[in-house]
Amino acid sequence: MSQFCFSEENEKKFNELKKRYPDIKAMMLPSLWLVQEQEGWISLDAMKFLASKLGLSEADVYSVATFYTMFKLEPKGKYHICLCKTASCKLRGSEAIKQKIEEKLGIKPGETTKDRKFSFEEVECLGACGNAPAMSLNDEYFENLNPKKIEEILDGLE
């Protein structure tokens, strides 16, 4: 049996969502979002919990959670930085931004600081090509970045 369970608040959200979906199995993505919102990531225990709750196999839940890059399958830092690595951002200076983040935090993409304050990853398009380079910090987006702006943003968090 899974050790994960929804918080009381998220259980209520789940039950409200059920009213909008004619088939509970269609609630896979919103349910995964609820888990990630609650825990900051999606553990195997949480996937087992959702499989049971949605009437699906654990493999079904795992296959969806691992398919979408927006779902995090490992614990992340308090501040999770996602830097766009696609062509528009690269052409407009994302490599210099990446170097500044690595220098400032002492971690490379895919890593988390020892104090779990920061995690950093490179991601596919953030949909801000016209204002590249772009990154997200938790749920906030930053565009038209340069190393000086990155330093200011990070200094504002420490």
N, C-alpha and C. Protein backbone atom coordinates (compact mmCIF):
# COMPACT_ATOMS: atom_id res chain seq x y z
N MET A 1 0.84 -1.19 0.00
CA MET A 1 0.00 0.00 0.00
C MET A 1 0.88 1.25 0.00
N SER A 2 0.47 2.23 -0.72
CA SER A 2 1.22 3.48 -0.84
C SER A 2 1.21 4.27 0.47
N GLN A 3 2.32 4.93 0.77
CA GLN A 3 2.39 5.78 1.95
C GLN A 3 1.94 7.21 1.63
N PHE A 4 1.93 7.55 0.36
CA PHE A 4 1.51 8.89 -0.04
C PHE A 4 -0.01 9.01 0.04
N CYS A 5 -0.48 10.18 0.40
CA CYS A 5 -1.90 10.49 0.26
C CYS A 5 -2.04 12.00 0.10
N PHE A 6 -3.14 12.40 -0.48
CA PHE A 6 -3.39 13.83 -0.66
C PHE A 6 -3.57 14.50 0.69
N SER A 7 -3.17 15.75 0.75
CA SER A 7 -3.51 16.57 1.91
C SER A 7 -5.03 16.73 1.91
N GLU A 8 -5.57 17.16 3.01
CA GLU A 8 -7.02 17.37 3.09
C GLU A 8 -7.48 18.35 2.01
N GLU A 9 -6.72 19.41 1.81
CA GLU A 9 -7.06 20.41 0.79
C GLU A 9 -7.03 19.82 -0.62
N ASN A 10 -6.01 19.03 -0.92
CA ASN A 10 -5.91 18.45 -2.25
C ASN A 10 -6.93 17.33 -2.47
N GLU A 11 -7.31 16.66 -1.41
CA GLU A 11 -8.39 15.66 -1.54
C GLU A 11 -9.68 16.37 -1.95
N LYS A 12 -9.93 17.52 -1.36
CA LYS A 12 -11.11 18.30 -1.74
C LYS A 12 -11.02 18.76 -3.19
N LYS A 13 -9.83 19.23 -3.61
CA LYS A 13 -9.62 19.65 -5.00
C LYS A 13 -9.86 18.47 -5.95
N PHE A 14 -9.34 17.31 -5.58
CA PHE A 14 -9.53 16.11 -6.40
C PHE A 14 -11.02 15.80 -6.56
N ASN A 15 -11.74 15.85 -5.47
CA ASN A 15 -13.18 15.55 -5.52
C ASN A 15 -13.95 16.59 -6.33
N GLU A 16 -13.52 17.83 -6.29
CA GLU A 16 -14.15 18.87 -7.13
C GLU A 16 -13.86 18.62 -8.61
N LEU A 17 -12.62 18.24 -8.90
CA LEU A 17 -12.24 17.94 -10.28
C LEU A 17 -13.05 16.77 -10.85
N LYS A 18 -13.32 15.78 -10.00
CA LYS A 18 -14.07 14.60 -10.46
C LYS A 18 -15.42 15.00 -11.05
N LYS A 19 -16.00 16.07 -10.55
CA LYS A 19 -17.31 16.52 -11.04
C LYS A 19 -17.23 17.03 -12.48
N ARG A 20 -16.03 17.43 -12.92
CA ARG A 20 -15.86 17.99 -14.26
C ARG A 20 -15.50 16.94 -15.32
N TYR A 21 -15.13 15.77 -14.87
CA TYR A 21 -14.68 14.74 -15.81
C TYR A 21 -15.67 13.58 -15.87
N PRO A 22 -16.17 13.27 -17.05
CA PRO A 22 -17.14 12.17 -17.17
C PRO A 22 -16.51 10.81 -16.86
N ASP A 23 -15.20 10.68 -17.08
CA ASP A 23 -14.48 9.44 -16.80
C ASP A 23 -13.31 9.77 -15.88
N ILE A 24 -13.29 9.18 -14.71
CA ILE A 24 -12.25 9.49 -13.72
C ILE A 24 -10.85 9.25 -14.28
N LYS A 25 -10.71 8.32 -15.21
CA LYS A 25 -9.40 8.03 -15.78
C LYS A 25 -8.83 9.22 -16.54
N ALA A 26 -9.70 10.12 -16.98
CA ALA A 26 -9.27 11.31 -17.71
C ALA A 26 -8.64 12.35 -16.78
N MET A 27 -8.64 12.07 -15.48
CA MET A 27 -8.08 13.00 -14.51
C MET A 27 -6.59 12.80 -14.25
N MET A 28 -5.95 12.03 -15.08
CA MET A 28 -4.54 11.72 -14.87
C MET A 28 -3.68 12.99 -14.75
N LEU A 29 -3.72 13.86 -15.73
CA LEU A 29 -2.86 15.05 -15.69
C LEU A 29 -3.20 15.97 -14.51
N PRO A 30 -4.48 16.31 -14.31
CA PRO A 30 -4.77 17.16 -13.15
C PRO A 30 -4.36 16.52 -11.82
N SER A 31 -4.47 15.21 -11.73
CA SER A 31 -4.09 14.51 -10.50
C SER A 31 -2.57 14.56 -10.29
N LEU A 32 -1.82 14.38 -11.36
CA LEU A 32 -0.37 14.49 -11.26
C LEU A 32 0.04 15.90 -10.84
N TRP A 33 -0.66 16.90 -11.38
CA TRP A 33 -0.38 18.29 -10.98
C TRP A 33 -0.65 18.49 -9.50
N LEU A 34 -1.72 17.90 -8.99
CA LEU A 34 -2.03 18.03 -7.56
C LEU A 34 -0.91 17.44 -6.71
N VAL A 35 -0.41 16.29 -7.11
CA VAL A 35 0.69 15.66 -6.36
C VAL A 35 1.91 16.57 -6.39
N GLN A 36 2.27 17.05 -7.58
CA GLN A 36 3.46 17.88 -7.69
C GLN A 36 3.29 19.20 -6.92
N GLU A 37 2.11 19.74 -6.96
CA GLU A 37 1.82 20.97 -6.20
C GLU A 37 2.01 20.71 -4.70
N GLN A 38 1.58 19.56 -4.25
CA GLN A 38 1.66 19.22 -2.82
C GLN A 38 3.08 18.89 -2.39
N GLU A 39 3.79 18.09 -3.16
CA GLU A 39 5.09 17.56 -2.74
C GLU A 39 6.29 18.23 -3.40
N GLY A 40 6.06 18.91 -4.52
CA GLY A 40 7.17 19.48 -5.26
C GLY A 40 7.75 18.53 -6.29
N TRP A 41 7.29 17.28 -6.25
CA TRP A 41 7.74 16.25 -7.19
C TRP A 41 6.77 15.08 -7.09
N ILE A 42 6.96 14.07 -7.96
CA ILE A 42 6.04 12.93 -7.99
C ILE A 42 6.83 11.66 -7.73
N SER A 43 6.62 11.08 -6.57
CA SER A 43 7.33 9.86 -6.17
C SER A 43 6.62 8.63 -6.71
N LEU A 44 7.30 7.49 -6.63
CA LEU A 44 6.67 6.23 -7.03
C LEU A 44 5.48 5.92 -6.12
N ASP A 45 5.60 6.26 -4.83
CA ASP A 45 4.47 6.06 -3.91
C ASP A 45 3.25 6.87 -4.35
N ALA A 46 3.50 8.10 -4.78
CA ALA A 46 2.39 8.95 -5.24
C ALA A 46 1.77 8.37 -6.51
N MET A 47 2.59 7.81 -7.38
CA MET A 47 2.07 7.19 -8.61
C MET A 47 1.19 5.99 -8.27
N LYS A 48 1.62 5.19 -7.29
CA LYS A 48 0.82 4.04 -6.86
C LYS A 48 -0.51 4.51 -6.29
N PHE A 49 -0.46 5.56 -5.50
CA PHE A 49 -1.67 6.15 -4.91
C PHE A 49 -2.63 6.59 -6.01
N LEU A 50 -2.12 7.31 -7.01
CA LEU A 50 -2.98 7.78 -8.10
C LEU A 50 -3.54 6.62 -8.92
N ALA A 51 -2.72 5.61 -9.15
CA ALA A 51 -3.20 4.45 -9.91
C ALA A 51 -4.43 3.85 -9.22
N SER A 52 -4.33 3.69 -7.92
CA SER A 52 -5.45 3.13 -7.15
C SER A 52 -6.66 4.06 -7.20
N LYS A 53 -6.42 5.34 -7.03
CA LYS A 53 -7.49 6.33 -6.98
C LYS A 53 -8.20 6.49 -8.34
N LEU A 54 -7.43 6.33 -9.42
CA LEU A 54 -7.98 6.52 -10.77
C LEU A 54 -8.42 5.21 -11.43
N GLY A 55 -8.17 4.10 -10.78
CA GLY A 55 -8.55 2.81 -11.37
C GLY A 55 -7.68 2.44 -12.55
N LEU A 56 -6.42 2.82 -12.48
CA LEU A 56 -5.46 2.55 -13.57
C LEU A 56 -4.33 1.69 -13.03
N SER A 57 -3.53 1.17 -13.94
CA SER A 57 -2.35 0.43 -13.50
C SER A 57 -1.26 1.42 -13.12
N GLU A 58 -0.34 0.95 -12.28
CA GLU A 58 0.80 1.78 -11.91
C GLU A 58 1.62 2.13 -13.15
N ALA A 59 1.70 1.21 -14.10
CA ALA A 59 2.43 1.45 -15.34
C ALA A 59 1.79 2.58 -16.16
N ASP A 60 0.46 2.65 -16.15
CA ASP A 60 -0.23 3.74 -16.87
C ASP A 60 0.17 5.09 -16.29
N VAL A 61 0.14 5.20 -14.98
CA VAL A 61 0.48 6.46 -14.33
C VAL A 61 1.96 6.78 -14.56
N TYR A 62 2.81 5.80 -14.39
CA TYR A 62 4.25 6.00 -14.59
C TYR A 62 4.54 6.46 -16.01
N SER A 63 3.89 5.85 -16.99
CA SER A 63 4.17 6.21 -18.39
C SER A 63 3.79 7.65 -18.68
N VAL A 64 2.73 8.15 -18.10
CA VAL A 64 2.33 9.54 -18.31
C VAL A 64 3.27 10.48 -17.54
N ALA A 65 3.56 10.15 -16.29
CA ALA A 65 4.43 11.01 -15.47
C ALA A 65 5.83 11.14 -16.07
N THR A 66 6.32 10.06 -16.67
CA THR A 66 7.67 10.10 -17.25
C THR A 66 7.68 10.68 -18.65
N PHE A 67 6.55 10.73 -19.32
CA PHE A 67 6.47 11.27 -20.68
C PHE A 67 6.60 12.79 -20.69
N TYR A 68 5.91 13.46 -19.77
CA TYR A 68 5.87 14.92 -19.75
C TYR A 68 7.02 15.48 -18.92
N THR A 69 7.79 16.38 -19.54
CA THR A 69 8.95 16.95 -18.84
C THR A 69 8.54 17.92 -17.73
N MET A 70 7.30 18.35 -17.70
CA MET A 70 6.87 19.29 -16.66
C MET A 70 6.70 18.60 -15.31
N PHE A 71 6.62 17.28 -15.32
CA PHE A 71 6.50 16.55 -14.06
C PHE A 71 7.89 16.17 -13.57
N LYS A 72 8.14 16.45 -12.32
CA LYS A 72 9.45 16.21 -11.72
C LYS A 72 9.40 14.91 -10.92
N LEU A 73 10.33 14.01 -11.22
CA LEU A 73 10.33 12.69 -10.61
C LEU A 73 11.39 12.54 -9.53
N GLU A 74 12.03 13.63 -9.17
CA GLU A 74 12.99 13.67 -8.07
C GLU A 74 12.74 14.95 -7.29
N PRO A 75 13.08 14.96 -6.01
CA PRO A 75 12.90 16.19 -5.24
C PRO A 75 13.72 17.33 -5.86
N LYS A 76 13.15 18.50 -5.87
CA LYS A 76 13.82 19.68 -6.42
C LYS A 76 14.08 20.67 -5.30
N GLY A 77 14.90 21.66 -5.62
CA GLY A 77 15.21 22.69 -4.64
C GLY A 77 14.02 23.61 -4.41
N LYS A 78 14.12 24.38 -3.35
CA LYS A 78 13.08 25.37 -3.05
C LYS A 78 12.87 26.28 -4.25
N TYR A 79 13.98 26.64 -4.90
CA TYR A 79 13.93 27.45 -6.11
C TYR A 79 14.37 26.57 -7.27
N HIS A 80 13.45 26.31 -8.17
CA HIS A 80 13.73 25.43 -9.30
C HIS A 80 13.85 26.27 -10.57
N ILE A 81 15.06 26.30 -11.13
CA ILE A 81 15.36 27.10 -12.31
C ILE A 81 15.33 26.22 -13.54
N CYS A 82 14.54 26.63 -14.53
CA CYS A 82 14.49 25.95 -15.83
C CYS A 82 14.93 26.94 -16.89
N LEU A 83 16.04 26.67 -17.52
CA LEU A 83 16.58 27.53 -18.56
C LEU A 83 16.31 26.91 -19.93
N CYS A 84 15.73 27.70 -20.82
CA CYS A 84 15.45 27.21 -22.17
C CYS A 84 16.75 26.92 -22.90
N LYS A 85 16.79 25.78 -23.60
CA LYS A 85 18.00 25.39 -24.32
C LYS A 85 17.79 25.31 -25.84
N THR A 86 16.67 25.81 -26.32
CA THR A 86 16.40 25.69 -27.75
C THR A 86 17.04 26.83 -28.55
N ALA A 87 16.91 26.76 -29.85
CA ALA A 87 17.65 27.63 -30.77
C ALA A 87 17.49 29.12 -30.50
N SER A 88 16.28 29.61 -30.33
CA SER A 88 16.08 31.05 -30.13
C SER A 88 16.85 31.54 -28.91
N CYS A 89 16.77 30.81 -27.83
CA CYS A 89 17.47 31.22 -26.61
C CYS A 89 18.99 31.09 -26.76
N LYS A 90 19.43 30.03 -27.40
CA LYS A 90 20.88 29.86 -27.62
C LYS A 90 21.43 31.00 -28.46
N LEU A 91 20.70 31.35 -29.53
CA LEU A 91 21.16 32.43 -30.41
C LEU A 91 21.19 33.78 -29.71
N ARG A 92 20.40 33.92 -28.67
CA ARG A 92 20.32 35.21 -27.96
C ARG A 92 21.04 35.19 -26.62
N GLY A 93 21.88 34.19 -26.37
CA GLY A 93 22.77 34.26 -25.22
C GLY A 93 22.50 33.36 -24.03
N SER A 94 21.73 32.31 -24.20
CA SER A 94 21.44 31.46 -23.04
C SER A 94 22.68 30.73 -22.51
N GLU A 95 23.70 30.54 -23.34
CA GLU A 95 24.92 29.87 -22.86
C GLU A 95 25.61 30.71 -21.79
N ALA A 96 25.64 32.04 -21.97
CA ALA A 96 26.24 32.93 -20.97
C ALA A 96 25.41 32.91 -19.68
N ILE A 97 24.11 32.78 -19.83
CA ILE A 97 23.22 32.71 -18.66
C ILE A 97 23.47 31.39 -17.92
N LYS A 98 23.56 30.32 -18.67
CA LYS A 98 23.85 29.02 -18.08
C LYS A 98 25.16 29.08 -17.28
N GLN A 99 26.19 29.66 -17.86
CA GLN A 99 27.48 29.78 -17.18
C GLN A 99 27.37 30.61 -15.90
N LYS A 100 26.58 31.68 -15.94
CA LYS A 100 26.40 32.53 -14.76
C LYS A 100 25.68 31.76 -13.65
N ILE A 101 24.66 31.00 -14.01
CA ILE A 101 23.92 30.20 -13.02
C ILE A 101 24.86 29.16 -12.40
N GLU A 102 25.61 28.46 -13.25
CA GLU A 102 26.55 27.44 -12.76
C GLU A 102 27.58 28.06 -11.81
N GLU A 103 28.11 29.21 -12.21
CA GLU A 103 29.13 29.91 -11.40
C GLU A 103 28.53 30.37 -10.07
N LYS A 104 27.36 30.95 -10.12
CA LYS A 104 26.73 31.53 -8.94
C LYS A 104 26.29 30.46 -7.94
N LEU A 105 25.72 29.36 -8.45
CA LEU A 105 25.14 28.34 -7.57
C LEU A 105 26.05 27.14 -7.33
N GLY A 106 27.07 26.97 -8.19
CA GLY A 106 27.98 25.85 -8.03
C GLY A 106 27.36 24.51 -8.44
N ILE A 107 26.34 24.56 -9.31
CA ILE A 107 25.72 23.33 -9.81
C ILE A 107 25.57 23.41 -11.32
N LYS A 108 25.46 22.25 -11.93
CA LYS A 108 25.25 22.15 -13.37
C LYS A 108 23.80 21.72 -13.62
N PRO A 109 23.33 21.83 -14.86
CA PRO A 109 21.96 21.36 -15.16
C PRO A 109 21.76 19.92 -14.70
N GLY A 110 20.60 19.68 -14.09
CA GLY A 110 20.28 18.36 -13.57
C GLY A 110 20.68 18.19 -12.11
N GLU A 111 21.27 19.22 -11.51
CA GLU A 111 21.74 19.11 -10.13
C GLU A 111 20.94 20.01 -9.19
N THR A 112 21.07 19.70 -7.91
CA THR A 112 20.45 20.47 -6.83
C THR A 112 21.53 20.80 -5.82
N THR A 113 21.50 22.01 -5.27
CA THR A 113 22.50 22.38 -4.26
C THR A 113 22.34 21.48 -3.04
N LYS A 114 23.43 21.30 -2.32
CA LYS A 114 23.41 20.40 -1.15
C LYS A 114 22.37 20.83 -0.11
N ASP A 115 22.14 22.13 0.01
CA ASP A 115 21.14 22.61 0.98
C ASP A 115 19.71 22.54 0.43
N ARG A 116 19.55 22.02 -0.79
CA ARG A 116 18.26 21.85 -1.46
C ARG A 116 17.54 23.19 -1.68
N LYS A 117 18.32 24.25 -1.72
CA LYS A 117 17.72 25.56 -1.95
C LYS A 117 17.47 25.79 -3.44
N PHE A 118 18.41 25.33 -4.30
CA PHE A 118 18.30 25.55 -5.73
C PHE A 118 18.44 24.24 -6.50
N SER A 119 17.64 24.10 -7.53
CA SER A 119 17.87 23.06 -8.53
C SER A 119 17.84 23.74 -9.88
N PHE A 120 18.52 23.14 -10.82
CA PHE A 120 18.73 23.78 -12.13
C PHE A 120 18.60 22.73 -13.22
N GLU A 121 17.85 23.06 -14.24
CA GLU A 121 17.78 22.17 -15.40
C GLU A 121 17.60 22.97 -16.67
N GLU A 122 18.04 22.38 -17.76
CA GLU A 122 17.78 22.96 -19.07
C GLU A 122 16.55 22.25 -19.63
N VAL A 123 15.67 23.01 -20.25
CA VAL A 123 14.42 22.47 -20.76
C VAL A 123 14.21 22.89 -22.21
N GLU A 124 13.28 22.21 -22.83
CA GLU A 124 12.89 22.60 -24.18
C GLU A 124 12.10 23.90 -24.10
N CYS A 125 11.69 24.39 -25.20
CA CYS A 125 11.08 25.71 -25.36
C CYS A 125 10.10 26.10 -24.24
N LEU A 126 10.27 27.30 -23.73
CA LEU A 126 9.37 27.86 -22.73
C LEU A 126 8.31 28.74 -23.38
N GLY A 127 8.33 28.83 -24.70
CA GLY A 127 7.31 29.59 -25.42
C GLY A 127 7.52 31.09 -25.39
N ALA A 128 8.75 31.53 -25.20
CA ALA A 128 9.04 32.96 -25.15
C ALA A 128 10.12 33.32 -26.17
N CYS A 129 10.05 32.70 -27.32
CA CYS A 129 11.10 32.87 -28.34
C CYS A 129 11.31 34.33 -28.74
N GLY A 130 10.25 35.10 -28.80
CA GLY A 130 10.36 36.51 -29.19
C GLY A 130 11.08 37.36 -28.16
N ASN A 131 11.17 36.86 -26.92
CA ASN A 131 11.85 37.59 -25.85
C ASN A 131 12.97 36.76 -25.24
N ALA A 132 13.60 35.97 -26.07
CA ALA A 132 14.67 35.09 -25.62
C ALA A 132 15.87 35.92 -25.18
N PRO A 133 16.70 35.35 -24.32
CA PRO A 133 16.59 34.06 -23.67
C PRO A 133 15.63 34.10 -22.47
N ALA A 134 15.08 32.92 -22.17
CA ALA A 134 14.04 32.83 -21.14
C ALA A 134 14.35 31.72 -20.14
N MET A 135 13.82 31.90 -18.93
CA MET A 135 13.90 30.87 -17.91
C MET A 135 12.66 30.98 -17.03
N SER A 136 12.38 29.90 -16.35
CA SER A 136 11.34 29.96 -15.32
C SER A 136 12.01 29.70 -13.98
N LEU A 137 11.47 30.33 -12.97
CA LEU A 137 11.92 30.14 -11.60
C LEU A 137 10.67 29.80 -10.82
N ASN A 138 10.55 28.52 -10.45
CA ASN A 138 9.30 27.99 -9.93
C ASN A 138 8.22 28.29 -10.97
N ASP A 139 7.21 29.07 -10.68
CA ASP A 139 6.16 29.33 -11.67
C ASP A 139 6.24 30.71 -12.29
N GLU A 140 7.35 31.41 -12.08
CA GLU A 140 7.51 32.76 -12.64
C GLU A 140 8.46 32.72 -13.83
N TYR A 141 8.09 33.42 -14.89
CA TYR A 141 8.91 33.44 -16.10
C TYR A 141 9.70 34.73 -16.20
N PHE A 142 10.94 34.62 -16.70
CA PHE A 142 11.81 35.76 -16.91
C PHE A 142 12.29 35.71 -18.36
N GLU A 143 12.27 36.85 -19.01
CA GLU A 143 12.63 36.92 -20.43
C GLU A 143 13.66 38.03 -20.66
N ASN A 144 14.21 38.08 -21.88
CA ASN A 144 15.23 39.07 -22.25
C ASN A 144 16.36 39.08 -21.22
N LEU A 145 16.82 37.92 -20.89
CA LEU A 145 17.81 37.78 -19.83
C LEU A 145 19.23 38.05 -20.31
N ASN A 146 20.06 38.42 -19.36
CA ASN A 146 21.50 38.54 -19.57
C ASN A 146 22.15 38.17 -18.24
N PRO A 147 23.45 37.96 -18.22
CA PRO A 147 24.09 37.53 -16.96
C PRO A 147 23.86 38.49 -15.79
N LYS A 148 23.83 39.79 -16.05
CA LYS A 148 23.60 40.76 -14.97
C LYS A 148 22.20 40.58 -14.37
N LYS A 149 21.19 40.39 -15.22
CA LYS A 149 19.83 40.18 -14.73
C LYS A 149 19.74 38.89 -13.90
N ILE A 150 20.43 37.86 -14.36
CA ILE A 150 20.44 36.57 -13.64
C ILE A 150 21.02 36.77 -12.24
N GLU A 151 22.12 37.50 -12.18
CA GLU A 151 22.75 37.75 -10.88
C GLU A 151 21.79 38.49 -9.96
N GLU A 152 21.10 39.49 -10.46
CA GLU A 152 20.13 40.24 -9.66
C GLU A 152 18.99 39.35 -9.17
N ILE A 153 18.48 38.51 -10.06
CA ILE A 153 17.38 37.61 -9.70
C ILE A 153 17.81 36.66 -8.59
N LEU A 154 18.96 36.03 -8.78
CA LEU A 154 19.46 35.06 -7.79
C LEU A 154 19.83 35.73 -6.47
N ASP A 155 20.43 36.91 -6.53
CA ASP A 155 20.76 37.63 -5.30
C ASP A 155 19.50 38.00 -4.52
N GLY A 156 18.41 38.22 -5.22
CA GLY A 156 17.16 38.55 -4.57
C GLY A 156 16.53 37.38 -3.84
N LEU A 157 17.04 36.16 -4.07
CA LEU A 157 16.48 34.96 -3.46
C LEU A 157 17.26 34.50 -2.24
N GLU A 158 18.51 34.86 -2.17
CA GLU A 158 19.37 34.30 -1.12
C GLU A 158 19.17 34.91 0.22
